[in-house]
N, C-alpha and C. Protein backbone atom coordinates (compact mmCIF):
# COMPACT_ATOMS: atom_id res chain seq x y z
N MET A 1 69.56 209.84 140.98
CA MET A 1 70.49 208.54 139.78
C MET A 1 71.93 208.46 140.66
N GLU A 2 72.10 207.33 141.06
CA GLU A 2 73.79 207.46 141.20
C GLU A 2 74.07 205.92 140.68
N ILE A 3 76.04 206.65 140.19
CA ILE A 3 76.05 205.39 139.56
C ILE A 3 77.56 205.48 140.18
N ALA A 4 77.79 204.21 141.27
CA ALA A 4 79.09 204.47 141.64
C ALA A 4 80.11 203.28 141.10
N PHE A 5 81.54 203.80 141.01
CA PHE A 5 82.56 203.44 140.73
C PHE A 5 83.48 202.78 141.74
N ILE A 6 83.44 201.68 141.64
CA ILE A 6 84.92 200.56 142.63
C ILE A 6 85.25 200.25 142.14
N GLY A 7 86.75 199.95 143.16
CA GLY A 7 87.94 199.02 142.56
C GLY A 7 88.74 199.49 143.58
N ARG A 8 89.97 198.65 143.04
CA ARG A 8 91.06 198.74 143.65
C ARG A 8 91.71 200.37 143.37
N SER A 9 92.82 200.96 144.61
CA SER A 9 93.12 201.69 144.16
C SER A 9 94.50 202.39 142.83
N ASN A 10 93.98 202.76 142.42
CA ASN A 10 94.68 203.10 141.55
C ASN A 10 94.69 202.18 140.24
N VAL A 11 93.32 201.74 139.83
CA VAL A 11 92.07 201.11 138.70
C VAL A 11 92.29 202.24 137.58
N GLY A 12 91.85 203.40 137.98
CA GLY A 12 91.22 204.16 136.94
C GLY A 12 89.81 204.96 136.95
N LYS A 13 89.58 204.86 138.37
CA LYS A 13 88.45 204.98 138.52
C LYS A 13 87.37 206.70 138.29
N SER A 14 88.76 207.09 138.38
CA SER A 14 88.10 209.03 138.60
C SER A 14 88.69 209.05 136.87
N THR A 15 89.84 208.35 136.27
CA THR A 15 89.96 208.71 135.19
C THR A 15 88.18 208.36 133.95
N LEU A 16 88.44 207.65 134.25
CA LEU A 16 86.83 206.91 134.33
C LEU A 16 85.49 207.71 134.02
N ILE A 17 85.48 208.27 135.28
CA ILE A 17 84.62 209.63 135.33
C ILE A 17 85.13 210.35 134.59
N ASN A 18 86.03 210.86 134.28
CA ASN A 18 86.22 212.19 133.95
C ASN A 18 86.05 212.31 132.45
N THR A 19 86.45 210.54 131.46
CA THR A 19 85.99 210.50 130.02
C THR A 19 84.47 210.19 129.99
N LEU A 20 83.75 209.40 130.83
CA LEU A 20 82.34 209.71 130.95
C LEU A 20 82.05 211.32 130.63
N ALA A 21 82.43 211.87 131.33
CA ALA A 21 81.57 213.32 132.22
C ALA A 21 82.31 213.99 130.34
N GLY A 22 82.95 213.89 129.92
CA GLY A 22 83.96 214.25 128.64
C GLY A 22 84.88 215.96 129.60
N ARG A 23 85.59 215.27 130.86
CA ARG A 23 86.03 216.56 131.57
C ARG A 23 87.19 215.83 131.66
N LYS A 24 88.02 217.05 131.69
CA LYS A 24 89.36 215.90 131.79
C LYS A 24 89.83 216.70 133.45
N SER A 25 88.84 217.29 134.31
CA SER A 25 89.45 217.06 135.67
C SER A 25 88.48 217.26 136.53
N LEU A 26 87.26 216.46 136.66
CA LEU A 26 86.25 216.54 137.05
C LEU A 26 87.07 216.31 138.73
N ALA A 27 87.04 214.48 137.68
CA ALA A 27 87.24 213.72 139.17
C ALA A 27 88.66 214.02 139.27
N ARG A 28 89.43 213.91 140.47
CA ARG A 28 90.80 214.45 140.78
C ARG A 28 91.96 213.14 140.19
N VAL A 29 92.64 213.09 139.35
CA VAL A 29 93.29 211.62 138.91
C VAL A 29 94.99 211.94 139.70
N SER A 30 95.28 211.02 140.06
CA SER A 30 96.70 211.07 140.65
C SER A 30 97.23 209.66 140.35
N ALA A 31 98.71 209.82 139.77
CA ALA A 31 99.59 208.93 139.86
C ALA A 31 99.68 207.67 140.92
N VAL A 32 99.70 208.77 141.84
CA VAL A 32 99.91 208.20 143.83
C VAL A 32 98.63 207.08 143.80
N PRO A 33 98.73 206.18 144.48
CA PRO A 33 96.93 205.44 144.54
C PRO A 33 96.86 205.63 146.07
N GLY A 34 95.67 205.90 145.95
CA GLY A 34 95.53 206.03 147.53
C GLY A 34 95.12 207.44 147.34
N LYS A 35 94.73 208.68 146.55
CA LYS A 35 94.10 209.79 146.90
C LYS A 35 93.07 210.24 147.13
N THR A 36 91.93 208.82 146.37
CA THR A 36 90.52 209.10 146.68
C THR A 36 90.33 208.84 148.07
N ALA A 37 89.92 209.80 149.23
CA ALA A 37 89.84 209.20 150.93
C ALA A 37 88.24 209.43 151.36
N THR A 38 87.67 209.74 150.33
CA THR A 38 86.33 210.15 150.42
C THR A 38 85.20 209.82 149.45
N ILE A 39 84.31 209.44 149.75
CA ILE A 39 83.45 209.10 148.62
C ILE A 39 82.84 210.77 147.96
N ASN A 40 83.30 211.10 146.70
CA ASN A 40 82.98 212.17 146.38
C ASN A 40 81.73 211.89 144.75
N PHE A 41 80.75 212.96 144.97
CA PHE A 41 80.19 212.87 143.72
C PHE A 41 79.77 213.76 142.73
N TYR A 42 79.69 214.06 141.54
CA TYR A 42 79.51 214.18 140.36
C TYR A 42 78.30 214.37 139.76
N GLY A 43 78.05 215.25 139.64
CA GLY A 43 76.32 215.32 138.70
C GLY A 43 76.73 215.98 137.22
N VAL A 44 76.45 214.85 136.67
CA VAL A 44 76.37 215.11 134.77
C VAL A 44 74.98 214.61 134.62
N GLU A 45 74.44 216.25 134.01
CA GLU A 45 72.96 215.73 133.79
C GLU A 45 72.56 215.17 134.72
N HIS A 46 71.45 214.34 134.61
CA HIS A 46 70.18 214.07 135.60
C HIS A 46 71.10 212.73 136.04
N ILE A 47 72.58 212.46 136.54
CA ILE A 47 72.91 211.44 137.04
C ILE A 47 73.77 212.01 137.97
N TRP A 48 73.93 211.37 138.90
CA TRP A 48 75.20 211.69 140.17
C TRP A 48 76.80 210.45 140.00
N LEU A 49 77.22 210.26 139.20
CA LEU A 49 78.72 209.89 139.20
C LEU A 49 79.45 209.58 140.56
N VAL A 50 80.00 209.15 141.72
CA VAL A 50 80.12 208.61 142.67
C VAL A 50 81.06 207.78 142.29
N ASP A 51 82.19 208.67 142.94
CA ASP A 51 83.50 207.83 142.81
C ASP A 51 84.19 207.79 144.26
N LEU A 52 84.12 205.89 144.28
CA LEU A 52 84.26 205.77 145.93
C LEU A 52 86.13 205.70 146.08
N PRO A 53 86.62 205.83 147.24
CA PRO A 53 87.82 205.01 147.40
C PRO A 53 88.10 203.85 146.96
N GLY A 54 89.40 203.71 146.61
CA GLY A 54 89.84 202.47 146.18
C GLY A 54 90.05 201.68 147.00
N TYR A 55 90.53 200.65 147.44
CA TYR A 55 90.54 199.28 148.16
C TYR A 55 91.95 198.57 147.86
N GLY A 56 92.72 198.13 148.61
CA GLY A 56 94.04 197.15 148.47
C GLY A 56 94.77 198.23 148.30
N TYR A 57 95.09 199.37 148.52
CA TYR A 57 96.59 199.72 149.07
C TYR A 57 97.26 199.45 150.17
N ALA A 58 98.34 198.81 149.95
CA ALA A 58 99.14 197.83 150.68
C ALA A 58 99.76 199.00 151.99
N LYS A 59 100.56 200.06 151.50
CA LYS A 59 101.18 201.47 151.82
C LYS A 59 100.03 202.47 152.77
N THR A 60 98.62 201.72 152.77
CA THR A 60 97.49 202.66 153.84
C THR A 60 97.75 201.99 155.18
N SER A 61 97.46 202.44 156.12
CA SER A 61 97.60 201.78 157.40
C SER A 61 96.38 200.95 157.66
N LYS A 62 96.26 199.92 159.05
CA LYS A 62 94.82 198.87 158.90
C LYS A 62 93.87 200.10 159.32
N SER A 63 93.89 201.42 159.94
CA SER A 63 92.97 201.82 160.21
C SER A 63 92.79 202.09 159.10
N GLU A 64 93.26 202.88 158.09
CA GLU A 64 93.24 203.87 157.57
C GLU A 64 92.64 202.84 156.21
N GLN A 65 92.82 201.55 156.17
CA GLN A 65 91.96 200.57 155.13
C GLN A 65 90.46 200.86 155.65
N GLU A 66 90.51 200.20 157.17
CA GLU A 66 89.34 199.60 157.91
C GLU A 66 88.17 200.77 157.46
N ARG A 67 88.60 202.56 157.80
CA ARG A 67 87.86 203.52 157.95
C ARG A 67 87.27 203.43 156.37
N LEU A 68 88.24 203.27 155.05
CA LEU A 68 87.69 203.50 153.84
C LEU A 68 86.70 201.72 153.88
N ARG A 69 87.17 200.88 154.12
CA ARG A 69 86.25 199.53 154.07
C ARG A 69 84.54 200.38 154.64
N ARG A 70 85.04 200.80 155.65
CA ARG A 70 83.34 200.89 156.45
C ARG A 70 82.39 201.99 155.43
N LEU A 71 83.00 202.53 155.23
CA LEU A 71 82.98 204.15 153.89
C LEU A 71 82.06 203.34 153.37
N ILE A 72 82.91 202.32 152.54
CA ILE A 72 82.45 201.82 150.96
C ILE A 72 81.03 200.88 151.62
N THR A 73 81.45 200.28 152.67
CA THR A 73 80.48 199.43 153.39
C THR A 73 78.76 200.29 153.68
N GLY A 74 79.30 200.96 154.12
CA GLY A 74 78.11 201.95 154.72
C GLY A 74 77.55 203.03 153.43
N TYR A 75 77.99 203.25 152.54
CA TYR A 75 77.87 203.78 150.93
C TYR A 75 76.54 202.69 150.72
N LEU A 76 77.49 201.36 149.94
CA LEU A 76 76.83 200.46 149.85
C LEU A 76 75.36 200.04 150.43
N ALA A 77 75.71 199.76 151.59
CA ALA A 77 74.24 199.24 152.55
C ALA A 77 73.04 200.63 152.66
N ALA A 78 73.62 202.28 152.67
CA ALA A 78 72.03 203.23 152.93
C ALA A 78 70.65 203.06 151.54
N ASP A 79 69.95 203.31 152.30
CA ASP A 79 68.94 203.35 151.13
C ASP A 79 69.26 204.75 150.06
N ARG A 80 69.49 204.56 149.07
CA ARG A 80 70.02 205.54 147.79
C ARG A 80 69.41 204.84 146.80
N ASP A 81 69.39 205.83 145.34
CA ASP A 81 68.92 205.53 144.04
C ASP A 81 70.14 204.68 143.84
N LEU A 82 71.20 203.91 144.28
CA LEU A 82 71.98 203.69 142.85
C LEU A 82 71.32 202.49 142.19
N GLN A 83 71.49 202.86 141.30
CA GLN A 83 71.15 202.38 139.50
C GLN A 83 72.02 201.19 139.36
N LEU A 84 73.76 201.17 139.96
CA LEU A 84 74.26 200.82 139.34
C LEU A 84 75.78 200.60 139.90
N VAL A 85 76.61 199.82 139.45
CA VAL A 85 77.94 199.67 140.47
C VAL A 85 78.80 199.43 139.17
N VAL A 86 80.14 200.17 139.32
CA VAL A 86 80.78 199.75 137.86
C VAL A 86 82.00 199.15 138.34
N GLN A 87 81.89 198.18 138.58
CA GLN A 87 83.18 196.93 139.29
C GLN A 87 84.44 197.31 138.37
N LEU A 88 85.79 198.43 138.51
CA LEU A 88 86.68 198.11 137.42
C LEU A 88 88.02 197.32 137.78
N ILE A 89 88.32 196.66 137.02
CA ILE A 89 89.62 195.89 137.37
C ILE A 89 90.42 196.51 136.19
N ASP A 90 91.69 196.00 136.16
CA ASP A 90 93.00 196.04 136.05
C ASP A 90 93.03 195.25 134.75
N MET A 91 92.88 195.67 133.59
CA MET A 91 92.71 194.11 132.46
C MET A 91 94.49 193.66 132.84
N ARG A 92 95.07 194.04 132.84
CA ARG A 92 96.48 193.48 133.14
C ARG A 92 97.08 191.74 133.89
N HIS A 93 95.86 192.11 134.98
CA HIS A 93 96.28 191.22 135.98
C HIS A 93 94.94 190.49 136.58
N ALA A 94 95.26 189.65 137.03
CA ALA A 94 94.00 188.99 137.72
C ALA A 94 92.98 189.90 138.94
N PRO A 95 92.06 189.66 138.57
CA PRO A 95 90.83 190.18 139.98
C PRO A 95 92.11 189.94 140.92
N SER A 96 92.17 191.17 141.97
CA SER A 96 92.11 190.54 143.78
C SER A 96 91.33 189.95 145.04
N ALA A 97 91.48 189.36 145.58
CA ALA A 97 90.72 189.25 146.01
C ALA A 97 89.45 190.26 147.30
N GLU A 98 90.16 191.11 147.16
CA GLU A 98 89.08 192.51 147.30
C GLU A 98 88.28 192.08 145.93
N ASP A 99 88.49 192.77 144.89
CA ASP A 99 88.01 192.81 143.89
C ASP A 99 87.15 191.47 143.81
N VAL A 100 86.93 190.02 144.17
CA VAL A 100 86.19 189.01 143.98
C VAL A 100 85.43 188.83 144.94
N ALA A 101 85.84 189.73 146.35
CA ALA A 101 84.64 189.81 147.37
C ALA A 101 83.89 190.67 147.13
N MET A 102 83.98 191.94 146.79
CA MET A 102 83.11 192.68 146.28
C MET A 102 82.46 192.20 145.20
N ILE A 103 82.80 191.66 144.22
CA ILE A 103 81.79 191.31 143.17
C ILE A 103 80.41 190.38 143.92
N ASP A 104 81.67 189.43 144.92
CA ASP A 104 80.42 188.10 145.63
C ASP A 104 79.23 189.24 146.30
N ARG A 105 79.86 190.37 146.97
CA ARG A 105 79.04 191.15 147.94
C ARG A 105 77.58 191.80 146.89
N LEU A 106 77.83 192.25 145.54
CA LEU A 106 77.29 192.86 145.26
C LEU A 106 76.50 191.31 144.34
N ILE A 107 76.42 190.36 143.63
CA ILE A 107 75.90 189.31 143.51
C ILE A 107 74.75 188.87 144.78
N ASP A 108 75.55 188.83 145.98
CA ASP A 108 74.76 188.52 146.71
C ASP A 108 73.34 189.54 147.34
N GLU A 109 73.98 190.58 146.95
CA GLU A 109 73.20 192.00 147.43
C GLU A 109 71.98 192.36 146.79
N GLU A 110 72.34 191.21 145.16
CA GLU A 110 71.22 191.90 144.34
C GLU A 110 71.41 193.52 144.00
N ILE A 111 72.91 193.83 143.65
CA ILE A 111 73.28 194.98 143.49
C ILE A 111 73.57 194.99 141.57
N PRO A 112 72.93 195.68 140.87
CA PRO A 112 73.31 196.14 139.90
C PRO A 112 74.65 196.88 139.31
N PHE A 113 75.33 195.46 138.78
CA PHE A 113 76.69 196.12 138.08
C PHE A 113 77.01 195.68 137.17
N ILE A 114 78.66 196.04 136.57
CA ILE A 114 78.84 195.70 135.25
C ILE A 114 80.16 195.64 135.57
N ILE A 115 81.22 195.55 135.28
CA ILE A 115 82.74 194.86 135.01
C ILE A 115 83.02 195.92 134.22
N VAL A 116 84.17 197.02 134.01
CA VAL A 116 84.65 197.86 133.40
C VAL A 116 86.69 197.65 133.78
N PHE A 117 86.83 196.93 132.41
CA PHE A 117 88.60 196.31 132.24
C PHE A 117 89.24 197.33 132.22
N THR A 118 89.89 198.23 132.56
CA THR A 118 90.52 199.05 132.35
C THR A 118 91.91 198.72 131.91
N LYS A 119 92.56 200.12 131.15
CA LYS A 119 94.46 199.81 130.90
C LYS A 119 94.45 198.78 129.70
N ALA A 120 93.19 198.92 128.71
CA ALA A 120 92.49 197.74 127.89
C ALA A 120 93.82 197.77 126.88
N ASP A 121 94.16 199.45 126.76
CA ASP A 121 94.96 199.56 125.54
C ASP A 121 96.58 198.58 125.66
N LYS A 122 96.63 198.53 126.89
CA LYS A 122 98.38 198.25 127.29
C LYS A 122 98.27 196.94 127.16
N LEU A 123 97.01 195.73 126.71
CA LEU A 123 97.95 194.26 126.41
C LEU A 123 97.47 194.66 124.48
N ASN A 124 98.23 193.51 124.06
CA ASN A 124 97.97 193.00 122.14
C ASN A 124 96.91 192.48 122.47
N LYS A 125 96.64 192.08 121.56
CA LYS A 125 95.33 190.90 120.99
C LYS A 125 95.17 189.90 121.62
N THR A 126 96.36 188.81 121.47
CA THR A 126 96.78 187.76 122.13
C THR A 126 97.07 187.82 123.60
N GLU A 127 97.76 188.47 124.39
CA GLU A 127 97.68 188.88 125.76
C GLU A 127 96.00 189.40 126.30
N ARG A 128 95.52 189.77 125.47
CA ARG A 128 93.97 190.56 126.07
C ARG A 128 93.41 188.64 125.90
N GLU A 129 93.22 188.49 124.86
CA GLU A 129 92.30 187.11 124.84
C GLU A 129 92.40 186.21 126.09
N LYS A 130 94.26 185.71 126.17
CA LYS A 130 94.26 185.11 127.22
C LYS A 130 93.99 185.67 129.19
N ARG A 131 93.54 186.86 128.26
CA ARG A 131 93.20 187.70 129.89
C ARG A 131 91.50 187.42 130.23
N MET A 132 91.12 187.14 129.34
CA MET A 132 89.72 186.97 129.08
C MET A 132 89.19 185.85 129.39
N ALA A 133 89.66 184.95 129.30
CA ALA A 133 89.82 183.43 129.31
C ALA A 133 90.00 183.18 130.80
N ALA A 134 90.99 183.71 131.23
CA ALA A 134 91.23 183.58 132.79
C ALA A 134 90.08 184.16 133.25
N PHE A 135 89.54 185.36 132.88
CA PHE A 135 88.97 186.25 133.57
C PHE A 135 87.59 185.05 133.91
N ALA A 136 87.62 184.56 132.62
CA ALA A 136 85.95 183.58 132.80
C ALA A 136 86.08 182.50 133.68
N GLU A 137 87.38 182.32 134.09
CA GLU A 137 87.43 181.45 135.50
C GLU A 137 87.41 181.66 136.85
N GLU A 138 88.85 183.11 136.97
CA GLU A 138 88.53 184.08 138.51
C GLU A 138 87.48 185.05 138.74
N ILE A 139 86.68 184.78 137.78
CA ILE A 139 85.43 185.84 138.46
C ILE A 139 84.02 184.66 138.45
N PRO A 140 84.14 184.54 139.98
CA PRO A 140 82.29 184.78 140.00
C PRO A 140 81.72 184.78 138.91
N CYS A 141 80.58 184.08 138.26
CA CYS A 141 79.48 184.30 137.62
C CYS A 141 80.18 185.08 136.62
N PHE A 142 80.99 184.81 135.57
CA PHE A 142 81.37 186.06 134.45
C PHE A 142 80.38 185.55 133.35
N ALA A 143 80.42 184.82 133.10
CA ALA A 143 79.27 184.08 132.19
C ALA A 143 78.27 184.97 132.45
N ASP A 144 77.47 185.44 133.36
CA ASP A 144 76.29 186.20 132.98
C ASP A 144 76.42 187.53 133.63
N ILE A 145 78.03 187.88 133.36
CA ILE A 145 78.11 189.42 134.36
C ILE A 145 78.59 190.72 132.83
N HIS A 146 77.81 191.49 132.80
CA HIS A 146 78.28 192.41 131.65
C HIS A 146 79.72 192.62 131.84
N ALA A 147 80.54 192.71 130.79
CA ALA A 147 82.39 193.10 130.70
C ALA A 147 82.52 194.42 130.01
N ILE A 148 82.69 195.25 130.16
CA ILE A 148 83.81 196.28 129.09
C ILE A 148 85.18 196.59 129.21
N PRO A 149 85.89 196.25 128.16
CA PRO A 149 86.80 196.57 127.89
C PRO A 149 87.12 198.22 127.78
N PHE A 150 88.12 198.56 128.53
CA PHE A 150 88.09 199.99 128.37
C PHE A 150 89.50 200.65 128.58
N SER A 151 89.58 201.82 127.61
CA SER A 151 91.00 202.89 127.78
C SER A 151 90.46 204.23 128.05
N ALA A 152 91.45 204.69 128.28
CA ALA A 152 90.95 206.08 128.53
C ALA A 152 92.46 207.02 127.39
N LYS A 153 92.88 206.06 127.33
CA LYS A 153 93.89 206.67 126.34
C LYS A 153 93.25 206.37 124.69
N THR A 154 92.79 205.50 124.22
CA THR A 154 92.50 205.25 122.75
C THR A 154 90.45 205.22 123.14
N PHE A 155 89.67 205.83 123.76
CA PHE A 155 88.80 205.75 124.14
C PHE A 155 87.91 204.30 123.64
N GLU A 156 88.64 203.54 124.18
CA GLU A 156 87.45 201.74 123.92
C GLU A 156 86.60 202.39 124.87
N GLY A 157 85.48 201.70 124.37
CA GLY A 157 84.81 201.13 125.41
C GLY A 157 83.61 202.49 126.19
N GLN A 158 84.30 203.81 125.43
CA GLN A 158 83.85 204.59 126.23
C GLN A 158 81.81 205.22 125.99
N ASP A 159 81.82 204.73 124.18
CA ASP A 159 80.92 204.62 123.59
C ASP A 159 79.37 203.86 124.27
N VAL A 160 80.50 203.08 124.31
CA VAL A 160 79.47 201.61 124.73
C VAL A 160 78.84 201.92 126.65
N LEU A 161 79.61 202.35 126.95
CA LEU A 161 79.59 202.82 128.59
C LEU A 161 78.74 203.96 128.44
N ARG A 162 78.84 205.35 127.33
CA ARG A 162 77.78 206.28 127.91
C ARG A 162 76.48 205.76 127.23
N GLU A 163 76.72 205.36 126.29
CA GLU A 163 75.08 204.63 125.84
C GLU A 163 74.13 203.40 126.89
N LEU A 164 75.31 203.29 127.63
CA LEU A 164 74.78 202.07 128.68
C LEU A 164 73.97 203.37 129.92
N LEU A 165 74.93 204.20 130.40
CA LEU A 165 74.64 204.87 131.73
C LEU A 165 72.99 205.64 130.88
N SER A 166 73.53 205.88 129.35
CA SER A 166 72.08 207.04 129.28
C SER A 166 71.18 206.26 128.80
N ASP A 167 70.91 204.95 128.81
CA ASP A 167 70.27 204.48 128.70
C ASP A 167 69.26 203.83 130.40
N ILE A 168 70.34 203.72 131.18
CA ILE A 168 69.85 203.86 132.94
C ILE A 168 69.38 204.98 132.67
N ALA A 169 69.60 206.05 132.51
CA ALA A 169 68.93 207.69 132.49
C ALA A 169 67.70 207.93 132.53
N SER A 170 67.15 206.99 130.89
CA SER A 170 65.99 207.31 130.75
C SER A 170 64.98 206.19 130.69
N GLU A 171 65.61 205.11 131.41
CA GLU A 171 64.80 203.98 132.19
C GLU A 171 64.08 204.72 133.42
N GLU A 172 65.06 205.32 134.35
CA GLU A 172 64.71 206.06 135.46
C GLU A 172 63.43 207.41 135.19
N ASN A 173 64.06 207.97 134.73
CA ASN A 173 63.28 209.45 133.81
C ASN A 173 61.67 208.75 133.72
N GLU A 174 61.35 207.39 133.12
CA GLU A 174 60.34 207.51 132.63
C GLU A 174 59.30 206.66 133.81
N GLU A 175 60.57 205.57 134.55
CA GLU A 175 59.69 205.48 136.05
C GLU A 175 59.64 206.61 136.47
N ASP A 176 60.11 207.59 136.64
CA ASP A 176 59.59 208.67 138.13
C ASP A 176 58.60 210.27 136.74
N GLY A 177 58.50 209.91 135.99
CA GLY A 177 57.76 210.42 135.27
C GLY A 177 58.27 211.99 134.84
N THR A 178 60.29 212.23 135.18
CA THR A 178 60.59 213.25 134.44
C THR A 178 61.15 213.07 133.33
N ASP A 179 61.20 214.68 132.66
CA ASP A 179 61.58 214.27 131.38
C ASP A 179 62.66 214.62 130.81
N ASP A 180 63.47 213.91 129.96
CA ASP A 180 65.15 213.90 130.02
C ASP A 180 65.37 214.84 129.44
N GLU A 181 64.32 215.84 128.72
CA GLU A 181 65.12 216.96 128.15
C GLU A 181 65.34 218.66 128.99
N ALA A 182 64.84 217.97 130.78
CA ALA A 182 64.52 219.04 131.74
C ALA A 182 66.16 219.52 132.06
């Protein structure tokens, strides 16, 4: 069973994976955008956490951007046991055109997904309320999408995400007849 993490470069995909796994260096984290150039799989209990390369990094060559686009497209199109895509968006900013295109694709292809708004600790209450209201206008079908504010610094959203992933794993185990305690 796979849970894939996708979003712009430097949005916090690897950091989120490390936080959920309870390990500081499972997924490589860098302050420099565009470091994840391959699809990385991390086994945690009965789940594969899949760290997809970031998109939208302007300092990457056009050929490398195209290679990464094909890599992500190929992953999403493959016959996999993909249970959920976690779309990450930096809470401080409007979603990029690439973010909106990915959300449209996930909706069109009926791939189950949620949105995690990263770096939530960087906004005060008023700024956060304004961004959430703006997201309702900027993100297609926002009212129907499960969205979770997250902060690696304060651990906001961590318990909600862990519970969601645990529920998905439990459902998958029930469907395939495996014992969750194995």
